[in-house]
Amino acid sequence: MPAERVTDKQRARVIERSRGLCEYCRCPVFYSPDPFSVDHIIPTSKGGRTRLDNLAHACLGCNGKKHDKLMGYDPLGMKTVRLFNPRRQKWQDHFGWNEDFTMVIGLTPTGRATVAELDLNRQGIVNLRQLLHRAKKHPPIE
């Protein structure tokens, strides 16, 4: 059976709820050179439904890296854990910023695994954060 399509109403609600940010790397859609999409947090291939409580606003880089993953490897704890779920967890509980606000730091096993699996510190995103910080438009207010 084909997956349900995200409706225009759902898409609008997901974008509004995200405040225009990727819910994983915190890249702002307004400054992103790539389009954003609505991500199924639990992929439809793994039984996830097309409902608001399973949808997240994601930049192309994060969505592409996440693909159909639910789990990731925590390099510090050396174990496999669930990836960050923006509907059930708060970003600031699992992530922070380094001193110049260019790098996302994983604070928990979930945070570290998500940073690693989704490559939240891709060079292009780090460069964008640096420019936005200089322009006083980064980090986003949580």
C-alpha atoms as a PDB file:
ATOM      1  CA  MET A   1       0.000   0.000   0.000  1.00  0.00           C
ATOM      2  CA  PRO A   2       1.490   3.394  -0.969  1.00  0.00           C
ATOM      3  CA  ALA A   3       2.344   5.867   1.774  1.00  0.00           C
ATOM      4  CA  GLU A   4      -0.107   8.673   2.480  1.00  0.00           C
ATOM      5  CA  ARG A   5       0.959  11.984   0.991  1.00  0.00           C
ATOM      6  CA  VAL A   6       1.606  14.975   3.220  1.00  0.00           C
ATOM      7  CA  THR A   7      -1.318  17.354   2.759  1.00  0.00           C
ATOM      8  CA  ASP A   8      -0.893  21.078   2.155  1.00  0.00           C
ATOM      9  CA  LYS A   9      -2.462  21.722   5.562  1.00  0.00           C
ATOM     10  CA  GLN A  10       0.000  19.359   7.287  1.00  0.00           C
ATOM     11  CA  ARG A  11       2.944  20.912   5.416  1.00  0.00           C
ATOM     12  CA  ALA A  12       1.885  24.418   6.465  1.00  0.00           C
ATOM     13  CA  ARG A  13       1.551  23.340  10.110  1.00  0.00           C
ATOM     14  CA  VAL A  14       4.962  21.615  10.093  1.00  0.00           C
ATOM     15  CA  ILE A  15       6.636  24.730   8.655  1.00  0.00           C
ATOM     16  CA  GLU A  16       4.877  27.016  11.140  1.00  0.00           C
ATOM     17  CA  ARG A  17       5.751  24.774  14.089  1.00  0.00           C
ATOM     18  CA  SER A  18       9.449  24.710  13.084  1.00  0.00           C
ATOM     19  CA  ARG A  19       9.682  28.525  13.008  1.00  0.00           C
ATOM     20  CA  GLY A  20      11.455  28.188   9.663  1.00  0.00           C
ATOM     21  CA  LEU A  21      14.307  26.048  10.992  1.00  0.00           C
ATOM     22  CA  CYS A  22      15.498  22.556  10.192  1.00  0.00           C
ATOM     23  CA  GLU A  23      14.404  20.651  13.268  1.00  0.00           C
ATOM     24  CA  TYR A  24      17.689  18.733  13.308  1.00  0.00           C
ATOM     25  CA  CYS A  25      20.610  21.083  12.418  1.00  0.00           C
ATOM     26  CA  ARG A  26      18.747  24.387  13.054  1.00  0.00           C
ATOM     27  CA  CYS A  27      19.577  25.759   9.595  1.00  0.00           C
ATOM     28  CA  PRO A  28      17.132  28.578   8.755  1.00  0.00           C
ATOM     29  CA  VAL A  29      15.116  27.987   5.578  1.00  0.00           C
ATOM     30  CA  PHE A  30      15.357  31.677   4.704  1.00  0.00           C
ATOM     31  CA  TYR A  31      19.148  31.413   4.219  1.00  0.00           C
ATOM     32  CA  SER A  32      19.394  27.855   2.939  1.00  0.00           C
ATOM     33  CA  PRO A  33      20.492  27.376  -0.663  1.00  0.00           C
ATOM     34  CA  ASP A  34      18.636  24.048  -0.723  1.00  0.00           C
ATOM     35  CA  PRO A  35      14.938  23.318  -0.342  1.00  0.00           C
ATOM     36  CA  PHE A  36      13.447  21.929   2.844  1.00  0.00           C
ATOM     37  CA  SER A  37      11.080  18.999   3.033  1.00  0.00           C
ATOM     38  CA  VAL A  38       8.700  17.368   5.452  1.00  0.00           C
ATOM     39  CA  ASP A  39      10.461  14.384   7.008  1.00  0.00           C
ATOM     40  CA  HIS A  40       8.733  11.337   8.423  1.00  0.00           C
ATOM     41  CA  ILE A  41      10.527  10.974  11.774  1.00  0.00           C
ATOM     42  CA  ILE A  42       9.621   7.300  11.810  1.00  0.00           C
ATOM     43  CA  PRO A  43       9.937   6.513   8.104  1.00  0.00           C
ATOM     44  CA  THR A  44       6.919   5.108   6.309  1.00  0.00           C
ATOM     45  CA  SER A  45       9.152   2.170   5.323  1.00  0.00           C
ATOM     46  CA  LYS A  46       9.362   1.360   9.061  1.00  0.00           C
ATOM     47  CA  GLY A  47       5.662   1.799   9.772  1.00  0.00           C
ATOM     48  CA  GLY A  48       5.575   5.554  10.364  1.00  0.00           C
ATOM     49  CA  ARG A  49       2.349   7.352   9.577  1.00  0.00           C
ATOM     50  CA  THR A  50       1.737  10.647   7.818  1.00  0.00           C
ATOM     51  CA  ARG A  51       0.490  12.461  10.911  1.00  0.00           C
ATOM     52  CA  LEU A  52       1.610  15.715  12.490  1.00  0.00           C
ATOM     53  CA  ASP A  53       3.147  13.883  15.440  1.00  0.00           C
ATOM     54  CA  ASN A  54       5.463  12.063  13.014  1.00  0.00           C
ATOM     55  CA  LEU A  55       6.446  14.940  10.736  1.00  0.00           C
ATOM     56  CA  ALA A  56       9.395  17.333  10.968  1.00  0.00           C
ATOM     57  CA  HIS A  57      10.715  20.211   8.860  1.00  0.00           C
ATOM     58  CA  ALA A  58      14.140  19.178   7.568  1.00  0.00           C
ATOM     59  CA  CYS A  59      16.775  20.669   5.302  1.00  0.00           C
ATOM     60  CA  LEU A  60      17.884  18.651   2.310  1.00  0.00           C
ATOM     61  CA  GLY A  61      21.164  17.660   3.980  1.00  0.00           C
ATOM     62  CA  CYS A  62      19.601  16.323   7.173  1.00  0.00           C
ATOM     63  CA  ASN A  63      16.740  14.604   5.379  1.00  0.00           C
ATOM     64  CA  GLY A  64      19.145  12.942   2.956  1.00  0.00           C
ATOM     65  CA  LYS A  65      21.486  11.754   5.723  1.00  0.00           C
ATOM     66  CA  LYS A  66      18.638  10.527   7.917  1.00  0.00           C
ATOM     67  CA  HIS A  67      16.878   8.717   5.070  1.00  0.00           C
ATOM     68  CA  ASP A  68      15.125   5.797   6.811  1.00  0.00           C
ATOM     69  CA  LYS A  69      17.281   5.626   9.948  1.00  0.00           C
ATOM     70  CA  LEU A  70      15.801   5.364  13.406  1.00  0.00           C
ATOM     71  CA  MET A  71      19.004   4.451  15.227  1.00  0.00           C
ATOM     72  CA  GLY A  72      22.537   5.797  15.284  1.00  0.00           C
ATOM     73  CA  TYR A  73      25.866   5.078  16.895  1.00  0.00           C
ATOM     74  CA  ASP A  74      26.906   7.160  19.910  1.00  0.00           C
ATOM     75  CA  PRO A  75      30.696   7.462  19.485  1.00  0.00           C
ATOM     76  CA  LEU A  76      31.293   8.296  23.165  1.00  0.00           C
ATOM     77  CA  GLY A  77      29.055   5.639  24.707  1.00  0.00           C
ATOM     78  CA  MET A  78      29.989   3.208  21.914  1.00  0.00           C
ATOM     79  CA  LYS A  79      26.456   1.920  21.525  1.00  0.00           C
ATOM     80  CA  THR A  80      23.512   2.210  19.191  1.00  0.00           C
ATOM     81  CA  VAL A  81      20.690   4.495  20.355  1.00  0.00           C
ATOM     82  CA  ARG A  82      17.549   6.086  18.920  1.00  0.00           C
ATOM     83  CA  LEU A  83      18.012   9.256  16.915  1.00  0.00           C
ATOM     84  CA  PHE A  84      16.558  12.582  18.033  1.00  0.00           C
ATOM     85  CA  ASN A  85      12.790  12.855  17.679  1.00  0.00           C
ATOM     86  CA  PRO A  86      11.722  16.515  17.478  1.00  0.00           C
ATOM     87  CA  ARG A  87       8.127  15.653  18.392  1.00  0.00           C
ATOM     88  CA  ARG A  88       8.995  13.849  21.608  1.00  0.00           C
ATOM     89  CA  GLN A  89      12.240  15.517  22.674  1.00  0.00           C
ATOM     90  CA  LYS A  90      13.481  19.086  23.135  1.00  0.00           C
ATOM     91  CA  TRP A  91      16.444  20.118  20.990  1.00  0.00           C
ATOM     92  CA  GLN A  92      18.174  21.946  23.845  1.00  0.00           C
ATOM     93  CA  ASP A  93      18.061  18.815  26.048  1.00  0.00           C
ATOM     94  CA  HIS A  94      20.193  16.883  23.562  1.00  0.00           C
ATOM     95  CA  PHE A  95      22.269  19.523  21.778  1.00  0.00           C
ATOM     96  CA  GLY A  96      24.233  22.677  22.418  1.00  0.00           C
ATOM     97  CA  TRP A  97      26.604  24.946  20.549  1.00  0.00           C
ATOM     98  CA  ASN A  98      30.371  25.278  20.719  1.00  0.00           C
ATOM     99  CA  GLU A  99      31.837  28.605  21.905  1.00  0.00           C
ATOM    100  CA  ASP A 100      31.535  30.343  18.507  1.00  0.00           C
ATOM    101  CA  PHE A 101      28.109  28.818  17.713  1.00  0.00           C
ATOM    102  CA  THR A 102      29.280  27.111  14.521  1.00  0.00           C
ATOM    103  CA  MET A 103      29.161  23.482  15.641  1.00  0.00           C
ATOM    104  CA  VAL A 104      26.311  21.470  17.142  1.00  0.00           C
ATOM    105  CA  ILE A 105      27.517  19.510  20.154  1.00  0.00           C
ATOM    106  CA  GLY A 106      25.703  16.330  21.195  1.00  0.00           C
ATOM    107  CA  LEU A 107      25.071  16.426  24.953  1.00  0.00           C
ATOM    108  CA  THR A 108      23.454  13.003  25.320  1.00  0.00           C
ATOM    109  CA  PRO A 109      23.810   9.631  23.613  1.00  0.00           C
ATOM    110  CA  THR A 110      20.851  10.575  21.392  1.00  0.00           C
ATOM    111  CA  GLY A 111      22.395  13.961  20.613  1.00  0.00           C
ATOM    112  CA  ARG A 112      25.834  12.533  19.809  1.00  0.00           C
ATOM    113  CA  ALA A 113      24.383   9.789  17.611  1.00  0.00           C
ATOM    114  CA  THR A 114      22.213  12.306  15.741  1.00  0.00           C
ATOM    115  CA  VAL A 115      25.150  14.687  15.205  1.00  0.00           C
ATOM    116  CA  ALA A 116      27.163  11.799  13.769  1.00  0.00           C
ATOM    117  CA  GLU A 117      24.472  10.088  11.673  1.00  0.00           C
ATOM    118  CA  LEU A 118      22.957  13.263  10.188  1.00  0.00           C
ATOM    119  CA  ASP A 119      26.346  14.992   9.962  1.00  0.00           C
ATOM    120  CA  LEU A 120      24.927  18.088  11.635  1.00  0.00           C
ATOM    121  CA  ASN A 121      28.270  19.861  11.238  1.00  0.00           C
ATOM    122  CA  ARG A 122      28.578  19.583   7.454  1.00  0.00           C
ATOM    123  CA  GLN A 123      31.059  22.154   6.166  1.00  0.00           C
ATOM    124  CA  GLY A 124      28.451  24.197   4.287  1.00  0.00           C
ATOM    125  CA  ILE A 125      26.227  24.462   7.359  1.00  0.00           C
ATOM    126  CA  VAL A 126      29.191  25.428   9.557  1.00  0.00           C
ATOM    127  CA  ASN A 127      30.114  28.158   7.044  1.00  0.00           C
ATOM    128  CA  LEU A 128      26.524  29.423   7.008  1.00  0.00           C
ATOM    129  CA  ARG A 129      26.367  29.474  10.816  1.00  0.00           C
ATOM    130  CA  GLN A 130      29.598  31.464  10.920  1.00  0.00           C
ATOM    131  CA  LEU A 131      28.250  34.101   8.523  1.00  0.00           C
ATOM    132  CA  LEU A 132      24.883  34.276  10.261  1.00  0.00           C
ATOM    133  CA  HIS A 133      26.549  34.610  13.672  1.00  0.00           C
ATOM    134  CA  ARG A 134      28.607  37.552  12.409  1.00  0.00           C
ATOM    135  CA  ALA A 135      25.368  39.120  11.156  1.00  0.00           C
ATOM    136  CA  LYS A 136      23.794  38.473  14.594  1.00  0.00           C
ATOM    137  CA  LYS A 137      21.207  36.081  13.110  1.00  0.00           C
ATOM    138  CA  HIS A 138      22.536  32.901  14.737  1.00  0.00           C
ATOM    139  CA  PRO A 139      22.062  30.948  16.952  1.00  0.00           C
ATOM    140  CA  PRO A 140      18.279  30.734  16.770  1.00  0.00           C
ATOM    141  CA  ILE A 141      16.354  31.577  19.903  1.00  0.00           C
ATOM    142  CA  GLU A 142      15.065  28.362  21.445  1.00  0.00           C
END
